[in-house]
Amino acid sequence: MKNQPFLKKVTNAVKGISYALKSENNFRIQILIAVLIIGIGLPILQPTLIWSALLILCIGLVLAAELVNTALEVLLDYLHPEIHPEIAKIKDIMAGMVLILSLTSVFIAGLALIDTLGKS
């Protein structure tokens, strides 16, 4: 739907996020972790600005990847509702993408924690 007003595009994006929140348990868990890190972890630990930015970037990337994964799953299920081994491979690869980003984020969070606590 090209050339929609900006507010309509934002509304559609919020609908997509809302759908993922309602339908995807992993997305809800990731949102909870993000809220805890941004709302509690960063204010308590007070990492440097660059570490805070990296952590927020990682959170955004994981959440965005989960949305892409969800969108692709919805599309594939619509186009081919029956179980198919090639579609299962695609879904597994997308889940692998989210896992790699999540593990990378945990690794970066660990480095931020080591650096922050090491300076205390």
PDB file of N, CA and C in Angstrom:
ATOM      1  N   MET A   1       0.826  -1.170   0.000  1.00  0.00           N
ATOM      2  CA  MET A   1       0.000   0.000   0.000  1.00  0.00           C
ATOM      3  C   MET A   1       0.877   1.241   0.000  1.00  0.00           C
ATOM      4  N   LYS A   2       1.259   1.632  -1.173  1.00  0.00           N
ATOM      5  CA  LYS A   2       2.139   2.783  -1.304  1.00  0.00           C
ATOM      6  C   LYS A   2       1.385   4.090  -1.123  1.00  0.00           C
ATOM      7  N   ASN A   3       2.151   5.110  -0.823  1.00  0.00           N
ATOM      8  CA  ASN A   3       1.662   6.491  -0.751  1.00  0.00           C
ATOM      9  C   ASN A   3       0.556   6.712   0.274  1.00  0.00           C
ATOM     10  N   GLN A   4       0.596   5.972   1.350  1.00  0.00           N
ATOM     11  CA  GLN A   4      -0.352   6.215   2.438  1.00  0.00           C
ATOM     12  C   GLN A   4       0.177   7.365   3.290  1.00  0.00           C
ATOM     13  N   PRO A   5      -0.715   8.069   3.957  1.00  0.00           N
ATOM     14  CA  PRO A   5      -0.244   9.109   4.885  1.00  0.00           C
ATOM     15  C   PRO A   5       0.618   8.483   5.988  1.00  0.00           C
ATOM     16  N   PHE A   6       1.531   9.284   6.491  1.00  0.00           N
ATOM     17  CA  PHE A   6       2.471   8.805   7.503  1.00  0.00           C
ATOM     18  C   PHE A   6       1.753   8.200   8.708  1.00  0.00           C
ATOM     19  N   LEU A   7       0.705   8.862   9.187  1.00  0.00           N
ATOM     20  CA  LEU A   7      -0.014   8.370  10.360  1.00  0.00           C
ATOM     21  C   LEU A   7      -0.626   6.994  10.091  1.00  0.00           C
ATOM     22  N   LYS A   8      -1.102   6.762   8.890  1.00  0.00           N
ATOM     23  CA  LYS A   8      -1.662   5.453   8.523  1.00  0.00           C
ATOM     24  C   LYS A   8      -0.564   4.390   8.534  1.00  0.00           C
ATOM     25  N   LYS A   9       0.616   4.746   8.059  1.00  0.00           N
ATOM     26  CA  LYS A   9       1.747   3.806   8.071  1.00  0.00           C
ATOM     27  C   LYS A   9       2.142   3.443   9.501  1.00  0.00           C
ATOM     28  N   VAL A  10       2.166   4.447  10.372  1.00  0.00           N
ATOM     29  CA  VAL A  10       2.498   4.198  11.774  1.00  0.00           C
ATOM     30  C   VAL A  10       1.428   3.316  12.414  1.00  0.00           C
ATOM     31  N   THR A  11       0.167   3.585  12.113  1.00  0.00           N
ATOM     32  CA  THR A  11      -0.938   2.767  12.641  1.00  0.00           C
ATOM     33  C   THR A  11      -0.796   1.320  12.190  1.00  0.00           C
ATOM     34  N   ASN A  12      -0.467   1.110  10.925  1.00  0.00           N
ATOM     35  CA  ASN A  12      -0.275  -0.244  10.417  1.00  0.00           C
ATOM     36  C   ASN A  12       0.899  -0.937  11.109  1.00  0.00           C
ATOM     37  N   ALA A  13       1.965  -0.189  11.349  1.00  0.00           N
ATOM     38  CA  ALA A  13       3.131  -0.766  12.030  1.00  0.00           C
ATOM     39  C   ALA A  13       2.767  -1.176  13.454  1.00  0.00           C
ATOM     40  N   VAL A  14       1.997  -0.338  14.135  1.00  0.00           N
ATOM     41  CA  VAL A  14       1.564  -0.662  15.500  1.00  0.00           C
ATOM     42  C   VAL A  14       0.665  -1.895  15.486  1.00  0.00           C
ATOM     43  N   LYS A  15      -0.180  -2.020  14.472  1.00  0.00           N
ATOM     44  CA  LYS A  15      -1.018  -3.222  14.330  1.00  0.00           C
ATOM     45  C   LYS A  15      -0.147  -4.475  14.189  1.00  0.00           C
ATOM     46  N   GLY A  16       0.928  -4.363  13.411  1.00  0.00           N
ATOM     47  CA  GLY A  16       1.834  -5.497  13.231  1.00  0.00           C
ATOM     48  C   GLY A  16       2.517  -5.897  14.522  1.00  0.00           C
ATOM     49  N   ILE A  17       2.977  -4.913  15.267  1.00  0.00           N
ATOM     50  CA  ILE A  17       3.607  -5.191  16.561  1.00  0.00           C
ATOM     51  C   ILE A  17       2.588  -5.795  17.513  1.00  0.00           C
ATOM     52  N   SER A  18       1.376  -5.263  17.500  1.00  0.00           N
ATOM     53  CA  SER A  18       0.307  -5.781  18.354  1.00  0.00           C
ATOM     54  C   SER A  18      -0.014  -7.234  18.014  1.00  0.00           C
ATOM     55  N   TYR A  19      -0.052  -7.549  16.714  1.00  0.00           N
ATOM     56  CA  TYR A  19      -0.297  -8.928  16.297  1.00  0.00           C
ATOM     57  C   TYR A  19       0.793  -9.847  16.845  1.00  0.00           C
ATOM     58  N   ALA A  20       2.040  -9.416  16.712  1.00  0.00           N
ATOM     59  CA  ALA A  20       3.153 -10.240  17.198  1.00  0.00           C
ATOM     60  C   ALA A  20       3.060 -10.421  18.712  1.00  0.00           C
ATOM     61  N   LEU A  21       2.700  -9.369  19.431  1.00  0.00           N
ATOM     62  CA  LEU A  21       2.552  -9.476  20.886  1.00  0.00           C
ATOM     63  C   LEU A  21       1.477 -10.480  21.270  1.00  0.00           C
ATOM     64  N   LYS A  22       0.376 -10.481  20.526  1.00  0.00           N
ATOM     65  CA  LYS A  22      -0.736 -11.377  20.836  1.00  0.00           C
ATOM     66  C   LYS A  22      -0.451 -12.821  20.420  1.00  0.00           C
ATOM     67  N   SER A  23       0.301 -12.997  19.349  1.00  0.00           N
ATOM     68  CA  SER A  23       0.429 -14.338  18.777  1.00  0.00           C
ATOM     69  C   SER A  23       1.754 -15.038  19.049  1.00  0.00           C
ATOM     70  N   GLU A  24       2.777 -14.295  19.425  1.00  0.00           N
ATOM     71  CA  GLU A  24       4.116 -14.878  19.550  1.00  0.00           C
ATOM     72  C   GLU A  24       4.637 -14.796  20.981  1.00  0.00           C
ATOM     73  N   ASN A  25       4.715 -15.941  21.628  1.00  0.00           N
ATOM     74  CA  ASN A  25       5.215 -16.008  23.000  1.00  0.00           C
ATOM     75  C   ASN A  25       6.654 -15.503  23.101  1.00  0.00           C
ATOM     76  N   ASN A  26       7.499 -15.876  22.131  1.00  0.00           N
ATOM     77  CA  ASN A  26       8.895 -15.428  22.157  1.00  0.00           C
ATOM     78  C   ASN A  26       8.994 -13.914  22.102  1.00  0.00           C
ATOM     79  N   PHE A  27       8.140 -13.282  21.304  1.00  0.00           N
ATOM     80  CA  PHE A  27       8.165 -11.823  21.190  1.00  0.00           C
ATOM     81  C   PHE A  27       7.789 -11.180  22.521  1.00  0.00           C
ATOM     82  N   ARG A  28       6.791 -11.743  23.200  1.00  0.00           N
ATOM     83  CA  ARG A  28       6.403 -11.219  24.514  1.00  0.00           C
ATOM     84  C   ARG A  28       7.556 -11.340  25.511  1.00  0.00           C
ATOM     85  N   ILE A  29       8.243 -12.478  25.486  1.00  0.00           N
ATOM     86  CA  ILE A  29       9.389 -12.680  26.377  1.00  0.00           C
ATOM     87  C   ILE A  29      10.493 -11.680  26.052  1.00  0.00           C
ATOM     88  N   GLN A  30      10.763 -11.479  24.776  1.00  0.00           N
ATOM     89  CA  GLN A  30      11.810 -10.552  24.366  1.00  0.00           C
ATOM     90  C   GLN A  30      11.455  -9.107  24.751  1.00  0.00           C
ATOM     91  N   ILE A  31      10.181  -8.750  24.635  1.00  0.00           N
ATOM     92  CA  ILE A  31       9.739  -7.419  25.058  1.00  0.00           C
ATOM     93  C   ILE A  31       9.943  -7.263  26.569  1.00  0.00           C
ATOM     94  N   LEU A  32       9.591  -8.294  27.328  1.00  0.00           N
ATOM     95  CA  LEU A  32       9.775  -8.246  28.782  1.00  0.00           C
ATOM     96  C   LEU A  32      11.250  -8.055  29.139  1.00  0.00           C
ATOM     97  N   ILE A  33      12.115  -8.811  28.494  1.00  0.00           N
ATOM     98  CA  ILE A  33      13.552  -8.685  28.747  1.00  0.00           C
ATOM     99  C   ILE A  33      14.028  -7.275  28.381  1.00  0.00           C
ATOM    100  N   ALA A  34      13.553  -6.760  27.262  1.00  0.00           N
ATOM    101  CA  ALA A  34      13.931  -5.408  26.837  1.00  0.00           C
ATOM    102  C   ALA A  34      13.502  -4.369  27.871  1.00  0.00           C
ATOM    103  N   VAL A  35      12.279  -4.490  28.356  1.00  0.00           N
ATOM    104  CA  VAL A  35      11.771  -3.549  29.354  1.00  0.00           C
ATOM    105  C   VAL A  35      12.609  -3.627  30.631  1.00  0.00           C
ATOM    106  N   LEU A  36      12.948  -4.844  31.047  1.00  0.00           N
ATOM    107  CA  LEU A  36      13.756  -5.006  32.254  1.00  0.00           C
ATOM    108  C   LEU A  36      15.150  -4.405  32.083  1.00  0.00           C
ATOM    109  N   ILE A  37      15.755  -4.646  30.931  1.00  0.00           N
ATOM    110  CA  ILE A  37      17.104  -4.124  30.703  1.00  0.00           C
ATOM    111  C   ILE A  37      17.077  -2.598  30.623  1.00  0.00           C
ATOM    112  N   ILE A  38      16.159  -2.058  29.817  1.00  0.00           N
ATOM    113  CA  ILE A  38      16.122  -0.607  29.625  1.00  0.00           C
ATOM    114  C   ILE A  38      15.566   0.100  30.865  1.00  0.00           C
ATOM    115  N   GLY A  39      14.556  -0.486  31.490  1.00  0.00           N
ATOM    116  CA  GLY A  39      13.902   0.179  32.610  1.00  0.00           C
ATOM    117  C   GLY A  39      14.584  -0.004  33.948  1.00  0.00           C
ATOM    118  N   ILE A  40      15.295  -1.129  34.109  1.00  0.00           N
ATOM    119  CA  ILE A  40      15.919  -1.401  35.409  1.00  0.00           C
ATOM    120  C   ILE A  40      17.441  -1.533  35.284  1.00  0.00           C
ATOM    121  N   GLY A  41      17.894  -2.361  34.351  1.00  0.00           N
ATOM    122  CA  GLY A  41      19.327  -2.642  34.231  1.00  0.00           C
ATOM    123  C   GLY A  41      20.165  -1.422  33.917  1.00  0.00           C
ATOM    124  N   LEU A  42      19.781  -0.668  32.895  1.00  0.00           N
ATOM    125  CA  LEU A  42      20.572   0.506  32.526  1.00  0.00           C
ATOM    126  C   LEU A  42      20.581   1.578  33.616  1.00  0.00           C
ATOM    127  N   PRO A  43      19.425   1.907  34.214  1.00  0.00           N
ATOM    128  CA  PRO A  43      19.470   2.923  35.274  1.00  0.00           C
ATOM    129  C   PRO A  43      20.294   2.501  36.501  1.00  0.00           C
ATOM    130  N   ILE A  44      20.249   1.223  36.842  1.00  0.00           N
ATOM    131  CA  ILE A  44      21.001   0.768  38.027  1.00  0.00           C
ATOM    132  C   ILE A  44      22.494   0.688  37.731  1.00  0.00           C
ATOM    133  N   LEU A  45      22.855   0.049  36.633  1.00  0.00           N
ATOM    134  CA  LEU A  45      24.277  -0.157  36.335  1.00  0.00           C
ATOM    135  C   LEU A  45      24.943   1.076  35.735  1.00  0.00           C
ATOM    136  N   GLN A  46      24.187   1.907  35.064  1.00  0.00           N
ATOM    137  CA  GLN A  46      24.681   3.126  34.426  1.00  0.00           C
ATOM    138  C   GLN A  46      25.948   2.888  33.594  1.00  0.00           C
ATOM    139  N   PRO A  47      25.825   2.030  32.568  1.00  0.00           N
ATOM    140  CA  PRO A  47      26.984   1.836  31.692  1.00  0.00           C
ATOM    141  C   PRO A  47      27.255   3.118  30.906  1.00  0.00           C
ATOM    142  N   THR A  48      28.427   3.187  30.286  1.00  0.00           N
ATOM    143  CA  THR A  48      28.752   4.361  29.477  1.00  0.00           C
ATOM    144  C   THR A  48      27.733   4.489  28.347  1.00  0.00           C
ATOM    145  N   LEU A  49      27.704   5.663  27.756  1.00  0.00           N
ATOM    146  CA  LEU A  49      26.736   5.937  26.697  1.00  0.00           C
ATOM    147  C   LEU A  49      26.878   4.959  25.528  1.00  0.00           C
ATOM    148  N   ILE A  50      28.104   4.627  25.168  1.00  0.00           N
ATOM    149  CA  ILE A  50      28.309   3.714  24.027  1.00  0.00           C
ATOM    150  C   ILE A  50      27.782   2.313  24.344  1.00  0.00           C
ATOM    151  N   TRP A  51      27.999   1.828  25.569  1.00  0.00           N
ATOM    152  CA  TRP A  51      27.469   0.516  25.943  1.00  0.00           C
ATOM    153  C   TRP A  51      25.942   0.548  25.966  1.00  0.00           C
ATOM    154  N   SER A  52      25.374   1.625  26.482  1.00  0.00           N
ATOM    155  CA  SER A  52      23.915   1.758  26.496  1.00  0.00           C
ATOM    156  C   SER A  52      23.368   1.740  25.070  1.00  0.00           C
ATOM    157  N   ALA A  53      24.024   2.482  24.190  1.00  0.00           N
ATOM    158  CA  ALA A  53      23.586   2.529  22.789  1.00  0.00           C
ATOM    159  C   ALA A  53      23.687   1.154  22.132  1.00  0.00           C
ATOM    160  N   LEU A  54      24.785   0.451  22.395  1.00  0.00           N
ATOM    161  CA  LEU A  54      24.945  -0.897  21.824  1.00  0.00           C
ATOM    162  C   LEU A  54      23.877  -1.855  22.335  1.00  0.00           C
ATOM    163  N   LEU A  55      23.578  -1.776  23.614  1.00  0.00           N
ATOM    164  CA  LEU A  55      22.551  -2.655  24.176  1.00  0.00           C
ATOM    165  C   LEU A  55      21.178  -2.349  23.596  1.00  0.00           C
ATOM    166  N   ILE A  56      20.853  -1.074  23.470  1.00  0.00           N
ATOM    167  CA  ILE A  56      19.560  -0.695  22.896  1.00  0.00           C
ATOM    168  C   ILE A  56      19.503  -1.102  21.418  1.00  0.00           C
ATOM    169  N   LEU A  57      20.606  -0.958  20.702  1.00  0.00           N
ATOM    170  CA  LEU A  57      20.664  -1.402  19.312  1.00  0.00           C
ATOM    171  C   LEU A  57      20.436  -2.915  19.214  1.00  0.00           C
ATOM    172  N   CYS A  58      21.087  -3.663  20.083  1.00  0.00           N
ATOM    173  CA  CYS A  58      20.902  -5.123  20.093  1.00  0.00           C
ATOM    174  C   CYS A  58      19.449  -5.489  20.367  1.00  0.00           C
ATOM    175  N   ILE A  59      18.837  -4.823  21.314  1.00  0.00           N
ATOM    176  CA  ILE A  59      17.432  -5.088  21.636  1.00  0.00           C
ATOM    177  C   ILE A  59      16.565  -4.814  20.412  1.00  0.00           C
ATOM    178  N   GLY A  60      16.798  -3.683  19.771  1.00  0.00           N
ATOM    179  CA  GLY A  60      16.024  -3.347  18.575  1.00  0.00           C
ATOM    180  C   GLY A  60      16.207  -4.360  17.466  1.00  0.00           C
ATOM    181  N   LEU A  61      17.432  -4.826  17.270  1.00  0.00           N
ATOM    182  CA  LEU A  61      17.696  -5.814  16.225  1.00  0.00           C
ATOM    183  C   LEU A  61      17.013  -7.152  16.510  1.00  0.00           C
ATOM    184  N   VAL A  62      17.051  -7.590  17.753  1.00  0.00           N
ATOM    185  CA  VAL A  62      16.401  -8.855  18.111  1.00  0.00           C
ATOM    186  C   VAL A  62      14.891  -8.739  17.906  1.00  0.00           C
ATOM    187  N   LEU A  63      14.301  -7.648  18.361  1.00  0.00           N
ATOM    188  CA  LEU A  63      12.854  -7.472  18.210  1.00  0.00           C
ATOM    189  C   LEU A  63      12.469  -7.364  16.733  1.00  0.00           C
ATOM    190  N   ALA A  64      13.258  -6.627  15.957  1.00  0.00           N
ATOM    191  CA  ALA A  64      12.979  -6.509  14.522  1.00  0.00           C
ATOM    192  C   ALA A  64      13.112  -7.863  13.821  1.00  0.00           C
ATOM    193  N   ALA A  65      14.129  -8.628  14.190  1.00  0.00           N
ATOM    194  CA  ALA A  65      14.311  -9.953  13.593  1.00  0.00           C
ATOM    195  C   ALA A  65      13.134 -10.865  13.933  1.00  0.00           C
ATOM    196  N   GLU A  66      12.647 -10.767  15.154  1.00  0.00           N
ATOM    197  CA  GLU A  66      11.490 -11.577  15.553  1.00  0.00           C
ATOM    198  C   GLU A  66      10.252 -11.179  14.740  1.00  0.00           C
ATOM    199  N   LEU A  67      10.102  -9.895  14.465  1.00  0.00           N
ATOM    200  CA  LEU A  67       8.979  -9.451  13.628  1.00  0.00           C
ATOM    201  C   LEU A  67       9.113  -9.969  12.198  1.00  0.00           C
ATOM    202  N   VAL A  68      10.326  -9.941  11.646  1.00  0.00           N
ATOM    203  CA  VAL A  68      10.548 -10.486  10.299  1.00  0.00           C
ATOM    204  C   VAL A  68      10.245 -11.982  10.297  1.00  0.00           C
ATOM    205  N   ASN A  69      10.721 -12.688  11.315  1.00  0.00           N
ATOM    206  CA  ASN A  69      10.468 -14.119  11.433  1.00  0.00           C
ATOM    207  C   ASN A  69       8.966 -14.395  11.497  1.00  0.00           C
ATOM    208  N   THR A  70       8.253 -13.645  12.300  1.00  0.00           N
ATOM    209  CA  THR A  70       6.808 -13.821  12.435  1.00  0.00           C
ATOM    210  C   THR A  70       6.103 -13.542  11.113  1.00  0.00           C
ATOM    211  N   ALA A  71       6.494 -12.454  10.445  1.00  0.00           N
ATOM    212  CA  ALA A  71       5.867 -12.108   9.167  1.00  0.00           C
ATOM    213  C   ALA A  71       6.076 -13.209   8.137  1.00  0.00           C
ATOM    214  N   LEU A  72       7.285 -13.745   8.076  1.00  0.00           N
ATOM    215  CA  LEU A  72       7.564 -14.806   7.106  1.00  0.00           C
ATOM    216  C   LEU A  72       6.783 -16.073   7.445  1.00  0.00           C
ATOM    217  N   GLU A  73       6.681 -16.406   8.724  1.00  0.00           N
ATOM    218  CA  GLU A  73       5.904 -17.578   9.132  1.00  0.00           C
ATOM    219  C   GLU A  73       4.435 -17.426   8.749  1.00  0.00           C
ATOM    220  N   VAL A  74       3.867 -16.238   8.985  1.00  0.00           N
ATOM    221  CA  VAL A  74       2.466 -15.989   8.630  1.00  0.00           C
ATOM    222  C   VAL A  74       2.277 -16.135   7.118  1.00  0.00           C
ATOM    223  N   LEU A  75       3.191 -15.558   6.346  1.00  0.00           N
ATOM    224  CA  LEU A  75       3.111 -15.654   4.894  1.00  0.00           C
ATOM    225  C   LEU A  75       3.215 -17.097   4.412  1.00  0.00           C
ATOM    226  N   LEU A  76       4.194 -17.822   4.927  1.00  0.00           N
ATOM    227  CA  LEU A  76       4.382 -19.208   4.498  1.00  0.00           C
ATOM    228  C   LEU A  76       3.186 -20.082   4.892  1.00  0.00           C
ATOM    229  N   ASP A  77       2.648 -19.866   6.080  1.00  0.00           N
ATOM    230  CA  ASP A  77       1.479 -20.641   6.510  1.00  0.00           C
ATOM    231  C   ASP A  77       0.264 -20.322   5.642  1.00  0.00           C
ATOM    232  N   TYR A  78       0.164 -19.079   5.188  1.00  0.00           N
ATOM    233  CA  TYR A  78      -0.939 -18.691   4.317  1.00  0.00           C
ATOM    234  C   TYR A  78      -0.778 -19.320   2.936  1.00  0.00           C
ATOM    235  N   LEU A  79       0.435 -19.256   2.394  1.00  0.00           N
ATOM    236  CA  LEU A  79       0.672 -19.771   1.045  1.00  0.00           C
ATOM    237  C   LEU A  79       0.672 -21.291   0.985  1.00  0.00           C
ATOM    238  N   HIS A  80       1.122 -21.930   2.071  1.00  0.00           N
ATOM    239  CA  HIS A  80       1.231 -23.392   2.082  1.00  0.00           C
ATOM    240  C   HIS A  80       0.889 -23.896   3.474  1.00  0.00           C
ATOM    241  N   PRO A  81      -0.424 -24.043   3.776  1.00  0.00           N
ATOM    242  CA  PRO A  81      -0.841 -24.420   5.130  1.00  0.00           C
ATOM    243  C   PRO A  81      -0.391 -25.824   5.565  1.00  0.00           C
ATOM    244  N   GLU A  82      -0.162 -26.686   4.608  1.00  0.00           N
ATOM    245  CA  GLU A  82       0.268 -28.040   4.962  1.00  0.00           C
ATOM    246  C   GLU A  82       1.739 -28.028   5.363  1.00  0.00           C
ATOM    247  N   ILE A  83       2.109 -28.989   6.192  1.00  0.00           N
ATOM    248  CA  ILE A  83       3.515 -29.116   6.597  1.00  0.00           C
ATOM    249  C   ILE A  83       4.326 -29.550   5.378  1.00  0.00           C
ATOM    250  N   HIS A  84       5.426 -28.865   5.158  1.00  0.00           N
ATOM    251  CA  HIS A  84       6.298 -29.170   4.028  1.00  0.00           C
ATOM    252  C   HIS A  84       7.747 -29.033   4.487  1.00  0.00           C
ATOM    253  N   PRO A  85       8.600 -30.014   4.151  1.00  0.00           N
ATOM    254  CA  PRO A  85       9.974 -29.981   4.665  1.00  0.00           C
ATOM    255  C   PRO A  85      10.779 -28.747   4.231  1.00  0.00           C
ATOM    256  N   GLU A  86      10.560 -28.240   3.038  1.00  0.00           N
ATOM    257  CA  GLU A  86      11.307 -27.067   2.594  1.00  0.00           C
ATOM    258  C   GLU A  86      10.858 -25.811   3.346  1.00  0.00           C
ATOM    259  N   ILE A  87       9.574 -25.713   3.606  1.00  0.00           N
ATOM    260  CA  ILE A  87       9.068 -24.577   4.378  1.00  0.00           C
ATOM    261  C   ILE A  87       9.575 -24.667   5.818  1.00  0.00           C
ATOM    262  N   ALA A  88       9.633 -25.875   6.344  1.00  0.00           N
ATOM    263  CA  ALA A  88      10.183 -26.061   7.699  1.00  0.00           C
ATOM    264  C   ALA A  88      11.627 -25.585   7.751  1.00  0.00           C
ATOM    265  N   LYS A  89      12.399 -25.845   6.683  1.00  0.00           N
ATOM    266  CA  LYS A  89      13.789 -25.379   6.637  1.00  0.00           C
ATOM    267  C   LYS A  89      13.859 -23.856   6.682  1.00  0.00           C
ATOM    268  N   ILE A  90      12.985 -23.199   5.915  1.00  0.00           N
ATOM    269  CA  ILE A  90      12.962 -21.735   5.888  1.00  0.00           C
ATOM    270  C   ILE A  90      12.654 -21.200   7.283  1.00  0.00           C
ATOM    271  N   LYS A  91      11.650 -21.790   7.935  1.00  0.00           N
ATOM    272  CA  LYS A  91      11.281 -21.344   9.283  1.00  0.00           C
ATOM    273  C   LYS A  91      12.419 -21.582  10.263  1.00  0.00           C
ATOM    274  N   ASP A  92      13.111 -22.695  10.138  1.00  0.00           N
ATOM    275  CA  ASP A  92      14.244 -22.987  11.016  1.00  0.00           C
ATOM    276  C   ASP A  92      15.386 -22.005  10.787  1.00  0.00           C
ATOM    277  N   ILE A  93      15.633 -21.664   9.533  1.00  0.00           N
ATOM    278  CA  ILE A  93      16.695 -20.703   9.224  1.00  0.00           C
ATOM    279  C   ILE A  93      16.360 -19.343   9.827  1.00  0.00           C
ATOM    280  N   MET A  94      15.112 -18.921   9.701  1.00  0.00           N
ATOM    281  CA  MET A  94      14.709 -17.636  10.279  1.00  0.00           C
ATOM    282  C   MET A  94      14.826 -17.661  11.805  1.00  0.00           C
ATOM    283  N   ALA A  95      14.430 -18.769  12.415  1.00  0.00           N
ATOM    284  CA  ALA A  95      14.582 -18.893  13.866  1.00  0.00           C
ATOM    285  C   ALA A  95      16.060 -18.855  14.240  1.00  0.00           C
ATOM    286  N   GLY A  96      16.902 -19.432  13.392  1.00  0.00           N
ATOM    287  CA  GLY A  96      18.347 -19.381  13.618  1.00  0.00           C
ATOM    288  C   GLY A  96      18.880 -17.960  13.584  1.00  0.00           C
ATOM    289  N   MET A  97      18.323 -17.144  12.695  1.00  0.00           N
ATOM    290  CA  MET A  97      18.717 -15.737  12.631  1.00  0.00           C
ATOM    291  C   MET A  97      18.419 -15.043  13.955  1.00  0.00           C
ATOM    292  N   VAL A  98      17.220 -15.268  14.476  1.00  0.00           N
ATOM    293  CA  VAL A  98      16.839 -14.644  15.744  1.00  0.00           C
ATOM    294  C   VAL A  98      17.736 -15.155  16.873  1.00  0.00           C
ATOM    295  N   LEU A  99      18.034 -16.440  16.862  1.00  0.00           N
ATOM    296  CA  LEU A  99      18.897 -17.018  17.893  1.00  0.00           C
ATOM    297  C   LEU A  99      20.297 -16.408  17.848  1.00  0.00           C
ATOM    298  N   ILE A 100      20.863 -16.277  16.656  1.00  0.00           N
ATOM    299  CA  ILE A 100      22.204 -15.696  16.535  1.00  0.00           C
ATOM    300  C   ILE A 100      22.214 -14.260  17.051  1.00  0.00           C
ATOM    301  N   LEU A 101      21.210 -13.473  16.667  1.00  0.00           N
ATOM    302  CA  LEU A 101      21.136 -12.095  17.172  1.00  0.00           C
ATOM    303  C   LEU A 101      20.955 -12.063  18.688  1.00  0.00           C
ATOM    304  N   SER A 102      20.145 -12.974  19.209  1.00  0.00           N
ATOM    305  CA  SER A 102      19.924 -13.017  20.659  1.00  0.00           C
ATOM    306  C   SER A 102      21.207 -13.382  21.399  1.00  0.00           C
ATOM    307  N   LEU A 103      21.915 -14.386  20.913  1.00  0.00           N
ATOM    308  CA  LEU A 103      23.167 -14.790  21.561  1.00  0.00           C
ATOM    309  C   LEU A 103      24.225 -13.692  21.451  1.00  0.00           C
ATOM    310  N   THR A 104      24.283 -13.034  20.311  1.00  0.00           N
ATOM    311  CA  THR A 104      25.197 -11.908  20.141  1.00  0.00           C
ATOM    312  C   THR A 104      24.866 -10.805  21.141  1.00  0.00           C
ATOM    313  N   SER A 105      23.576 -10.553  21.333  1.00  0.00           N
ATOM    314  CA  SER A 105      23.137  -9.529  22.287  1.00  0.00           C
ATOM    315  C   SER A 105      23.533  -9.891  23.709  1.00  0.00           C
ATOM    316  N   VAL A 106      23.390 -11.150  24.060  1.00  0.00           N
ATOM    317  CA  VAL A 106      23.783 -11.599  25.399  1.00  0.00           C
ATOM    318  C   VAL A 106      25.294 -11.429  25.577  1.00  0.00           C
ATOM    319  N   PHE A 107      26.054 -11.756  24.555  1.00  0.00           N
ATOM    320  CA  PHE A 107      27.509 -11.608  24.607  1.00  0.00           C
ATOM    321  C   PHE A 107      27.890 -10.133  24.796  1.00  0.00           C
ATOM    322  N   ILE A 108      27.254  -9.254  24.030  1.00  0.00           N
ATOM    323  CA  ILE A 108      27.528  -7.820  24.144  1.00  0.00           C
ATOM    324  C   ILE A 108      27.109  -7.308  25.521  1.00  0.00           C
ATOM    325  N   ALA A 109      25.973  -7.792  26.024  1.00  0.00           N
ATOM    326  CA  ALA A 109      25.533  -7.393  27.370  1.00  0.00           C
ATOM    327  C   ALA A 109      26.559  -7.848  28.414  1.00  0.00           C
ATOM    328  N   GLY A 110      27.117  -9.034  28.233  1.00  0.00           N
ATOM    329  CA  GLY A 110      28.153  -9.518  29.151  1.00  0.00           C
ATOM    330  C   GLY A 110      29.384  -8.636  29.128  1.00  0.00           C
ATOM    331  N   LEU A 111      29.797  -8.225  27.941  1.00  0.00           N
ATOM    332  CA  LEU A 111      30.953  -7.324  27.828  1.00  0.00           C
ATOM    333  C   LEU A 111      30.653  -5.983  28.483  1.00  0.00           C
ATOM    334  N   ALA A 112      29.437  -5.485  28.273  1.00  0.00           N
ATOM    335  CA  ALA A 112      29.049  -4.210  28.899  1.00  0.00           C
ATOM    336  C   ALA A 112      29.068  -4.342  30.413  1.00  0.00           C
ATOM    337  N   LEU A 113      28.588  -5.462  30.900  1.00  0.00           N
ATOM    338  CA  LEU A 113      28.558  -5.692  32.352  1.00  0.00           C
ATOM    339  C   LEU A 113      29.966  -5.777  32.918  1.00  0.00           C
ATOM    340  N   ILE A 114      30.836  -6.524  32.256  1.00  0.00           N
ATOM    341  CA  ILE A 114      32.233  -6.642  32.709  1.00  0.00           C
ATOM    342  C   ILE A 114      32.899  -5.280  32.722  1.00  0.00           C
ATOM    343  N   ASP A 115      32.708  -4.515  31.642  1.00  0.00           N
ATOM    344  CA  ASP A 115      33.338  -3.194  31.566  1.00  0.00           C
ATOM    345  C   ASP A 115      32.780  -2.246  32.625  1.00  0.00           C
ATOM    346  N   THR A 116      31.475  -2.270  32.812  1.00  0.00           N
ATOM    347  CA  THR A 116      30.836  -1.372  33.778  1.00  0.00           C
ATOM    348  C   THR A 116      31.212  -1.726  35.209  1.00  0.00           C
ATOM    349  N   LEU A 117      31.163  -3.008  35.553  1.00  0.00           N
ATOM    350  CA  LEU A 117      31.501  -3.413  36.920  1.00  0.00           C
ATOM    351  C   LEU A 117      32.993  -3.290  37.193  1.00  0.00           C
ATOM    352  N   GLY A 118      33.802  -3.435  36.140  1.00  0.00           N
ATOM    353  CA  GLY A 118      35.253  -3.307  36.281  1.00  0.00           C
ATOM    354  C   GLY A 118      35.683  -1.884  36.600  1.00  0.00           C
ATOM    355  N   LYS A 119      34.851  -0.920  36.252  1.00  0.00           N
ATOM    356  CA  LYS A 119      35.188   0.488  36.491  1.00  0.00           C
ATOM    357  C   LYS A 119      34.615   0.992  37.805  1.00  0.00           C
ATOM    358  N   SER A 120      33.837   0.165  38.483  1.00  0.00           N
ATOM    359  CA  SER A 120      33.206   0.607  39.751  1.00  0.00           C
ATOM    360  C   SER A 120      34.186   0.593  40.891  1.00  0.00           C
TER     361      SER A 120
END
